[in-house]
Amino acid sequence: MIIFPAIDLSDGNIVRLSKGNFREKKVYGNKIVEQVKLFENHGAEWIHVVDLDGALKGKNKNVLSINKIINNTKCKIQLGGGIRSLKDIESWLALGLDRIIIGTSAIINENLVKEATKIFPKKIAIGLDLYEDYVAIKGWTEIFKEKKAEYFFNKFSDLGVEAIIYTDIHKDGVLKGPNFKNIINYKKIINVPLIASGGISCIEDIKKLYSFDIYGVIVGKAIYDNKIDINKIFNIK
């Protein structure tokens, strides 16, 4: 199982939100290079980066900070937030990113993912952020209720994306454990790797996901709030 340490960016700072609420934004400083090196030196293979301002406003807002990450690590990087077009994808991949996460545009632009997987094979992941049975879009400010989430899990699995990242909004940033039931259910209905996100509170949560044979798990606030020992996180068996 791959551990994806998270770097969420807002106004050039590393931050964490609670349930996606920008009014409950906790800032962990702007020492981005130091944070990247910390992850790399402890054994991280991947880093999960999100431009939160980009997700909210539909346009990348933390380009300088993202470039710092790209230029200062040997880790692979997956990026989401504010990526709305094929041009956006192409631009980021040209800078050296390994995987692009499409969220809002995957839901509202019916053909974008199909086109992206053809033009950029093995580079596209999907972020499905769920509020109960529906997908939240535009920085989690709107709930897309035309179709239930299961439709999108099946759709993007059939398109052969590299991974689907499932986040339970109710669990995100509150350190109360993941939605294990939904993680298992969604893993069963797709034929592509599932990355679990939201709610990791301790090393036991990660070990439990490992026992379910989950492809990957994103860990953020539990690291920054020292709920998990970074010396142990990348060597879980």
C-alpha atoms as a PDB file:
ATOM      1  CA  MET A   1       0.000   0.000   0.000  1.00  0.00           C
ATOM      2  CA  ILE A   2       1.307   3.418  -0.945  1.00  0.00           C
ATOM      3  CA  ILE A   3       1.276   6.141   1.697  1.00  0.00           C
ATOM      4  CA  PHE A   4       0.628   9.536   0.106  1.00  0.00           C
ATOM      5  CA  PRO A   5       1.617  12.317   2.531  1.00  0.00           C
ATOM      6  CA  ALA A   6      -0.469  15.374   1.707  1.00  0.00           C
ATOM      7  CA  ILE A   7       0.525  18.965   1.112  1.00  0.00           C
ATOM      8  CA  ASP A   8      -2.582  21.138   0.810  1.00  0.00           C
ATOM      9  CA  LEU A   9      -1.810  24.671  -0.314  1.00  0.00           C
ATOM     10  CA  SER A  10      -3.664  27.933   0.244  1.00  0.00           C
ATOM     11  CA  ASP A  11      -2.180  31.413  -0.159  1.00  0.00           C
ATOM     12  CA  GLY A  12       1.259  29.834  -0.459  1.00  0.00           C
ATOM     13  CA  ASN A  13       0.982  28.085   2.905  1.00  0.00           C
ATOM     14  CA  ILE A  14       0.635  24.458   3.929  1.00  0.00           C
ATOM     15  CA  VAL A  15      -2.815  24.166   5.467  1.00  0.00           C
ATOM     16  CA  ARG A  16      -5.463  21.685   6.510  1.00  0.00           C
ATOM     17  CA  LEU A  17      -9.205  22.231   6.435  1.00  0.00           C
ATOM     18  CA  SER A  18     -11.915  20.616   8.506  1.00  0.00           C
ATOM     19  CA  LYS A  19     -14.531  18.994   6.260  1.00  0.00           C
ATOM     20  CA  GLY A  20     -13.408  21.314   3.462  1.00  0.00           C
ATOM     21  CA  ASN A  21     -14.436  24.438   5.361  1.00  0.00           C
ATOM     22  CA  PHE A  22     -12.157  27.362   4.451  1.00  0.00           C
ATOM     23  CA  ARG A  23     -13.325  29.183   7.581  1.00  0.00           C
ATOM     24  CA  GLU A  24     -11.689  26.407   9.600  1.00  0.00           C
ATOM     25  CA  LYS A  25      -8.303  26.584   7.929  1.00  0.00           C
ATOM     26  CA  LYS A  26      -5.309  25.665  10.066  1.00  0.00           C
ATOM     27  CA  VAL A  27      -2.004  27.011   8.754  1.00  0.00           C
ATOM     28  CA  TYR A  28       1.159  24.957   9.237  1.00  0.00           C
ATOM     29  CA  GLY A  29       3.555  27.516   7.796  1.00  0.00           C
ATOM     30  CA  ASN A  30       5.178  28.053   4.419  1.00  0.00           C
ATOM     31  CA  LYS A  31       8.319  25.923   4.703  1.00  0.00           C
ATOM     32  CA  ILE A  32       7.311  23.871   1.706  1.00  0.00           C
ATOM     33  CA  VAL A  33      10.748  22.665   0.648  1.00  0.00           C
ATOM     34  CA  GLU A  34      11.560  21.532   4.184  1.00  0.00           C
ATOM     35  CA  GLN A  35       8.280  19.603   4.370  1.00  0.00           C
ATOM     36  CA  VAL A  36       8.895  17.882   1.046  1.00  0.00           C
ATOM     37  CA  LYS A  37      12.401  16.898   2.104  1.00  0.00           C
ATOM     38  CA  LEU A  38      11.072  15.563   5.410  1.00  0.00           C
ATOM     39  CA  PHE A  39       8.686  13.250   3.576  1.00  0.00           C
ATOM     40  CA  GLU A  40      11.331  12.171   1.085  1.00  0.00           C
ATOM     41  CA  ASN A  41      13.984  11.507   3.714  1.00  0.00           C
ATOM     42  CA  HIS A  42      11.605   9.301   5.686  1.00  0.00           C
ATOM     43  CA  GLY A  43      10.835   7.102   2.707  1.00  0.00           C
ATOM     44  CA  ALA A  44       7.877   8.621   0.853  1.00  0.00           C
ATOM     45  CA  GLU A  45       7.576   7.486  -2.771  1.00  0.00           C
ATOM     46  CA  TRP A  46       4.715   9.839  -3.642  1.00  0.00           C
ATOM     47  CA  ILE A  47       3.450  13.212  -2.434  1.00  0.00           C
ATOM     48  CA  HIS A  48      -0.178  14.226  -2.798  1.00  0.00           C
ATOM     49  CA  VAL A  49      -0.516  17.960  -3.527  1.00  0.00           C
ATOM     50  CA  VAL A  50      -3.745  19.943  -3.639  1.00  0.00           C
ATOM     51  CA  ASP A  51      -4.173  23.564  -4.686  1.00  0.00           C
ATOM     52  CA  LEU A  52      -7.146  24.371  -2.459  1.00  0.00           C
ATOM     53  CA  ASP A  53      -7.537  27.886  -3.832  1.00  0.00           C
ATOM     54  CA  GLY A  54      -7.508  26.445  -7.329  1.00  0.00           C
ATOM     55  CA  ALA A  55     -10.201  23.929  -6.437  1.00  0.00           C
ATOM     56  CA  LEU A  56     -12.384  26.722  -5.092  1.00  0.00           C
ATOM     57  CA  LYS A  57     -11.808  29.254  -7.867  1.00  0.00           C
ATOM     58  CA  GLY A  58     -11.283  26.978 -10.879  1.00  0.00           C
ATOM     59  CA  LYS A  59      -7.835  28.320 -11.669  1.00  0.00           C
ATOM     60  CA  ASN A  60      -4.438  27.413 -10.260  1.00  0.00           C
ATOM     61  CA  LYS A  61      -3.474  29.850  -7.525  1.00  0.00           C
ATOM     62  CA  ASN A  62      -0.366  28.305  -5.952  1.00  0.00           C
ATOM     63  CA  VAL A  63       1.886  27.815  -8.950  1.00  0.00           C
ATOM     64  CA  LEU A  64       5.062  29.099  -7.265  1.00  0.00           C
ATOM     65  CA  SER A  65       4.607  26.781  -4.299  1.00  0.00           C
ATOM     66  CA  ILE A  66       3.849  23.799  -6.522  1.00  0.00           C
ATOM     67  CA  ASN A  67       6.974  24.493  -8.568  1.00  0.00           C
ATOM     68  CA  LYS A  68       9.003  24.487  -5.356  1.00  0.00           C
ATOM     69  CA  ILE A  69       7.751  20.979  -4.667  1.00  0.00           C
ATOM     70  CA  ILE A  70       8.444  19.754  -8.189  1.00  0.00           C
ATOM     71  CA  ASN A  71      11.976  21.159  -8.185  1.00  0.00           C
ATOM     72  CA  ASN A  72      13.019  19.942  -4.747  1.00  0.00           C
ATOM     73  CA  THR A  73      12.118  16.264  -4.538  1.00  0.00           C
ATOM     74  CA  LYS A  74      12.742  12.959  -6.229  1.00  0.00           C
ATOM     75  CA  CYS A  75       9.341  11.743  -5.031  1.00  0.00           C
ATOM     76  CA  LYS A  76       6.586  11.250  -7.567  1.00  0.00           C
ATOM     77  CA  ILE A  77       3.898  13.920  -7.334  1.00  0.00           C
ATOM     78  CA  GLN A  78       0.176  13.840  -7.976  1.00  0.00           C
ATOM     79  CA  LEU A  79      -1.613  17.182  -8.156  1.00  0.00           C
ATOM     80  CA  GLY A  80      -5.255  18.208  -7.923  1.00  0.00           C
ATOM     81  CA  GLY A  81      -7.158  21.457  -7.586  1.00  0.00           C
ATOM     82  CA  GLY A  82      -8.243  23.869 -10.288  1.00  0.00           C
ATOM     83  CA  ILE A  83      -7.369  21.606 -13.201  1.00  0.00           C
ATOM     84  CA  ARG A  84     -10.187  22.162 -15.643  1.00  0.00           C
ATOM     85  CA  SER A  85      -8.924  21.475 -19.181  1.00  0.00           C
ATOM     86  CA  LEU A  86      -6.609  19.414 -21.368  1.00  0.00           C
ATOM     87  CA  LYS A  87      -4.365  22.471 -21.624  1.00  0.00           C
ATOM     88  CA  ASP A  88      -4.075  22.607 -17.836  1.00  0.00           C
ATOM     89  CA  ILE A  89      -3.117  18.940 -17.747  1.00  0.00           C
ATOM     90  CA  GLU A  90      -0.543  19.326 -20.497  1.00  0.00           C
ATOM     91  CA  SER A  91       1.044  22.340 -18.808  1.00  0.00           C
ATOM     92  CA  TRP A  92       1.471  20.597 -15.464  1.00  0.00           C
ATOM     93  CA  LEU A  93       2.796  17.362 -16.932  1.00  0.00           C
ATOM     94  CA  ALA A  94       5.351  19.372 -18.902  1.00  0.00           C
ATOM     95  CA  LEU A  95       6.704  20.689 -15.592  1.00  0.00           C
ATOM     96  CA  GLY A  96       7.400  17.171 -14.375  1.00  0.00           C
ATOM     97  CA  LEU A  97       4.318  16.014 -12.483  1.00  0.00           C
ATOM     98  CA  ASP A  98       3.657  12.286 -12.512  1.00  0.00           C
ATOM     99  CA  ARG A  99      -0.116  12.232 -12.150  1.00  0.00           C
ATOM    100  CA  ILE A 100      -2.946  14.735 -12.522  1.00  0.00           C
ATOM    101  CA  ILE A 101      -6.105  14.518 -10.447  1.00  0.00           C
ATOM    102  CA  ILE A 102      -9.292  15.739 -12.078  1.00  0.00           C
ATOM    103  CA  GLY A 103     -12.187  16.519  -9.772  1.00  0.00           C
ATOM    104  CA  THR A 104     -14.866  19.056 -10.647  1.00  0.00           C
ATOM    105  CA  SER A 105     -14.280  18.937 -14.401  1.00  0.00           C
ATOM    106  CA  ALA A 106     -14.552  15.164 -14.422  1.00  0.00           C
ATOM    107  CA  ILE A 107     -18.122  15.572 -13.223  1.00  0.00           C
ATOM    108  CA  ILE A 108     -19.335  18.581 -15.224  1.00  0.00           C
ATOM    109  CA  ASN A 109     -17.415  17.968 -18.460  1.00  0.00           C
ATOM    110  CA  GLU A 110     -18.712  14.654 -19.735  1.00  0.00           C
ATOM    111  CA  ASN A 111     -15.890  13.915 -22.185  1.00  0.00           C
ATOM    112  CA  LEU A 112     -12.838  15.423 -20.503  1.00  0.00           C
ATOM    113  CA  VAL A 113     -11.635  12.279 -18.747  1.00  0.00           C
ATOM    114  CA  LYS A 114     -12.154  10.110 -21.817  1.00  0.00           C
ATOM    115  CA  GLU A 115     -10.055  12.504 -23.885  1.00  0.00           C
ATOM    116  CA  ALA A 116      -7.436  12.967 -21.175  1.00  0.00           C
ATOM    117  CA  THR A 117      -6.818   9.242 -20.693  1.00  0.00           C
ATOM    118  CA  LYS A 118      -6.228   8.873 -24.435  1.00  0.00           C
ATOM    119  CA  ILE A 119      -3.900  11.859 -24.771  1.00  0.00           C
ATOM    120  CA  PHE A 120      -2.083  11.360 -21.446  1.00  0.00           C
ATOM    121  CA  PRO A 121      -2.111   7.602 -20.769  1.00  0.00           C
ATOM    122  CA  LYS A 122      -1.220   6.461 -17.250  1.00  0.00           C
ATOM    123  CA  LYS A 123      -1.233  10.049 -15.998  1.00  0.00           C
ATOM    124  CA  ILE A 124      -4.863  10.677 -15.005  1.00  0.00           C
ATOM    125  CA  ALA A 125      -6.526  10.034 -11.658  1.00  0.00           C
ATOM    126  CA  ILE A 126     -10.004  11.066 -10.524  1.00  0.00           C
ATOM    127  CA  GLY A 127     -10.922  12.691  -7.238  1.00  0.00           C
ATOM    128  CA  LEU A 128     -14.405  11.802  -6.011  1.00  0.00           C
ATOM    129  CA  ASP A 129     -15.206  13.803  -2.877  1.00  0.00           C
ATOM    130  CA  LEU A 130     -18.423  12.525  -1.386  1.00  0.00           C
ATOM    131  CA  TYR A 131     -21.043  14.214   0.702  1.00  0.00           C
ATOM    132  CA  GLU A 132     -23.135  11.187   1.652  1.00  0.00           C
ATOM    133  CA  ASP A 133     -24.047   9.519  -1.682  1.00  0.00           C
ATOM    134  CA  TYR A 134     -23.229  12.458  -3.947  1.00  0.00           C
ATOM    135  CA  VAL A 135     -20.083  14.081  -5.320  1.00  0.00           C
ATOM    136  CA  ALA A 136     -19.120  17.561  -4.155  1.00  0.00           C
ATOM    137  CA  ILE A 137     -17.559  19.930  -6.697  1.00  0.00           C
ATOM    138  CA  LYS A 138     -16.020  23.406  -6.947  1.00  0.00           C
ATOM    139  CA  GLY A 139     -13.988  23.203  -3.774  1.00  0.00           C
ATOM    140  CA  TRP A 140     -16.804  21.288  -2.058  1.00  0.00           C
ATOM    141  CA  THR A 141     -19.115  24.293  -2.295  1.00  0.00           C
ATOM    142  CA  GLU A 142     -21.713  22.506  -4.461  1.00  0.00           C
ATOM    143  CA  ILE A 143     -23.227  19.024  -4.395  1.00  0.00           C
ATOM    144  CA  PHE A 144     -23.821  17.406  -7.800  1.00  0.00           C
ATOM    145  CA  LYS A 145     -27.158  15.614  -7.397  1.00  0.00           C
ATOM    146  CA  GLU A 146     -27.958  14.637 -10.966  1.00  0.00           C
ATOM    147  CA  LYS A 147     -26.326  11.239 -10.441  1.00  0.00           C
ATOM    148  CA  LYS A 148     -25.234   9.296  -7.387  1.00  0.00           C
ATOM    149  CA  ALA A 149     -21.567   8.711  -6.704  1.00  0.00           C
ATOM    150  CA  GLU A 150     -21.654   5.034  -7.669  1.00  0.00           C
ATOM    151  CA  TYR A 151     -22.328   6.044 -11.285  1.00  0.00           C
ATOM    152  CA  PHE A 152     -19.055   7.984 -11.396  1.00  0.00           C
ATOM    153  CA  PHE A 153     -17.018   5.245  -9.747  1.00  0.00           C
ATOM    154  CA  ASN A 154     -18.190   2.864 -12.455  1.00  0.00           C
ATOM    155  CA  LYS A 155     -17.791   5.390 -15.274  1.00  0.00           C
ATOM    156  CA  PHE A 156     -14.198   6.306 -14.497  1.00  0.00           C
ATOM    157  CA  SER A 157     -13.245   2.726 -13.721  1.00  0.00           C
ATOM    158  CA  ASP A 158     -14.483   1.734 -17.173  1.00  0.00           C
ATOM    159  CA  LEU A 159     -12.360   4.509 -18.711  1.00  0.00           C
ATOM    160  CA  GLY A 160      -9.265   2.991 -17.154  1.00  0.00           C
ATOM    161  CA  VAL A 161      -7.960   5.899 -15.108  1.00  0.00           C
ATOM    162  CA  GLU A 162      -4.825   5.273 -13.052  1.00  0.00           C
ATOM    163  CA  ALA A 163      -6.648   5.576  -9.740  1.00  0.00           C
ATOM    164  CA  ILE A 164      -9.791   6.896  -8.095  1.00  0.00           C
ATOM    165  CA  ILE A 165      -9.274   8.928  -4.938  1.00  0.00           C
ATOM    166  CA  TYR A 166     -12.254   8.611  -2.618  1.00  0.00           C
ATOM    167  CA  THR A 167     -12.680  11.238   0.083  1.00  0.00           C
ATOM    168  CA  ASP A 168     -15.462  11.224   2.662  1.00  0.00           C
ATOM    169  CA  ILE A 169     -16.082  14.907   3.380  1.00  0.00           C
ATOM    170  CA  HIS A 170     -17.633  14.160   6.772  1.00  0.00           C
ATOM    171  CA  LYS A 171     -14.381  12.502   7.807  1.00  0.00           C
ATOM    172  CA  ASP A 172     -11.849  14.863   6.261  1.00  0.00           C
ATOM    173  CA  GLY A 173      -9.651  16.745   8.685  1.00  0.00           C
ATOM    174  CA  VAL A 174     -11.454  15.664  11.860  1.00  0.00           C
ATOM    175  CA  LEU A 175      -9.113  12.836  12.938  1.00  0.00           C
ATOM    176  CA  LYS A 176     -11.890  10.388  13.755  1.00  0.00           C
ATOM    177  CA  GLY A 177     -11.042   7.524  11.428  1.00  0.00           C
ATOM    178  CA  PRO A 178     -11.919   6.784   7.785  1.00  0.00           C
ATOM    179  CA  ASN A 179     -15.220   5.532   6.418  1.00  0.00           C
ATOM    180  CA  PHE A 180     -14.048   1.924   6.228  1.00  0.00           C
ATOM    181  CA  LYS A 181     -17.412   0.593   5.077  1.00  0.00           C
ATOM    182  CA  ASN A 182     -17.573   2.850   2.020  1.00  0.00           C
ATOM    183  CA  ILE A 183     -13.903   2.325   1.203  1.00  0.00           C
ATOM    184  CA  ILE A 184     -14.479  -1.429   1.005  1.00  0.00           C
ATOM    185  CA  ASN A 185     -17.719  -1.046  -0.970  1.00  0.00           C
ATOM    186  CA  TYR A 186     -16.246   1.290  -3.573  1.00  0.00           C
ATOM    187  CA  LYS A 187     -13.114  -0.836  -3.900  1.00  0.00           C
ATOM    188  CA  LYS A 188     -15.339  -3.795  -4.805  1.00  0.00           C
ATOM    189  CA  ILE A 189     -17.197  -2.049  -7.629  1.00  0.00           C
ATOM    190  CA  ILE A 190     -14.207  -0.649  -9.523  1.00  0.00           C
ATOM    191  CA  ASN A 191     -11.466  -2.288 -11.562  1.00  0.00           C
ATOM    192  CA  VAL A 192      -8.826   0.381 -11.001  1.00  0.00           C
ATOM    193  CA  PRO A 193      -6.794   1.201  -7.874  1.00  0.00           C
ATOM    194  CA  LEU A 194      -8.572   2.988  -5.027  1.00  0.00           C
ATOM    195  CA  ILE A 195      -6.847   5.610  -2.897  1.00  0.00           C
ATOM    196  CA  ALA A 196      -8.567   6.317   0.411  1.00  0.00           C
ATOM    197  CA  SER A 197      -8.601   9.823   1.832  1.00  0.00           C
ATOM    198  CA  GLY A 198     -10.153  11.500   4.850  1.00  0.00           C
ATOM    199  CA  GLY A 199     -10.150  10.757   8.553  1.00  0.00           C
ATOM    200  CA  ILE A 200      -6.846   8.993   9.165  1.00  0.00           C
ATOM    201  CA  SER A 201      -6.190   9.540  12.857  1.00  0.00           C
ATOM    202  CA  CYS A 202      -3.583   6.975  13.914  1.00  0.00           C
ATOM    203  CA  ILE A 203      -1.275   4.235  12.704  1.00  0.00           C
ATOM    204  CA  GLU A 204      -3.971   1.627  13.402  1.00  0.00           C
ATOM    205  CA  ASP A 205      -6.244   3.230  10.777  1.00  0.00           C
ATOM    206  CA  ILE A 206      -3.515   2.763   8.189  1.00  0.00           C
ATOM    207  CA  LYS A 207      -2.836  -0.820   9.231  1.00  0.00           C
ATOM    208  CA  LYS A 208      -6.539  -1.610   8.890  1.00  0.00           C
ATOM    209  CA  LEU A 209      -6.616  -0.214   5.351  1.00  0.00           C
ATOM    210  CA  TYR A 210      -3.488  -2.218   4.583  1.00  0.00           C
ATOM    211  CA  SER A 211      -5.339  -5.365   5.639  1.00  0.00           C
ATOM    212  CA  PHE A 212      -8.080  -4.529   3.100  1.00  0.00           C
ATOM    213  CA  ASP A 213      -5.498  -4.496   0.291  1.00  0.00           C
ATOM    214  CA  ILE A 214      -6.191  -0.861  -0.567  1.00  0.00           C
ATOM    215  CA  TYR A 215      -3.840   0.561  -3.221  1.00  0.00           C
ATOM    216  CA  GLY A 216      -3.086   3.768  -1.338  1.00  0.00           C
ATOM    217  CA  VAL A 217      -4.020   6.093   1.496  1.00  0.00           C
ATOM    218  CA  ILE A 218      -3.605   9.851   1.818  1.00  0.00           C
ATOM    219  CA  VAL A 219      -2.454  11.112   5.193  1.00  0.00           C
ATOM    220  CA  GLY A 220      -2.440  14.782   6.106  1.00  0.00           C
ATOM    221  CA  LYS A 221      -3.547  16.258   9.382  1.00  0.00           C
ATOM    222  CA  ALA A 222      -2.497  13.231  11.422  1.00  0.00           C
ATOM    223  CA  ILE A 223       1.091  13.900  10.341  1.00  0.00           C
ATOM    224  CA  TYR A 224       0.999  17.644  10.927  1.00  0.00           C
ATOM    225  CA  ASP A 225      -0.656  17.285  14.326  1.00  0.00           C
ATOM    226  CA  ASN A 226       1.818  14.562  15.345  1.00  0.00           C
ATOM    227  CA  LYS A 227      -0.844  11.885  15.736  1.00  0.00           C
ATOM    228  CA  ILE A 228       1.312   9.547  13.649  1.00  0.00           C
ATOM    229  CA  ASP A 229       5.049   8.962  13.986  1.00  0.00           C
ATOM    230  CA  ILE A 230       6.578   9.882  10.640  1.00  0.00           C
ATOM    231  CA  ASN A 231       9.406   7.436  11.358  1.00  0.00           C
ATOM    232  CA  LYS A 232       6.922   4.546  11.130  1.00  0.00           C
ATOM    233  CA  ILE A 233       4.380   5.619   8.561  1.00  0.00           C
ATOM    234  CA  PHE A 234       6.199   4.550   5.385  1.00  0.00           C
ATOM    235  CA  ASN A 235       7.120   1.058   6.652  1.00  0.00           C
ATOM    236  CA  ILE A 236       3.753  -0.374   7.606  1.00  0.00           C
ATOM    237  CA  LYS A 237       3.283  -4.103   7.083  1.00  0.00           C
END
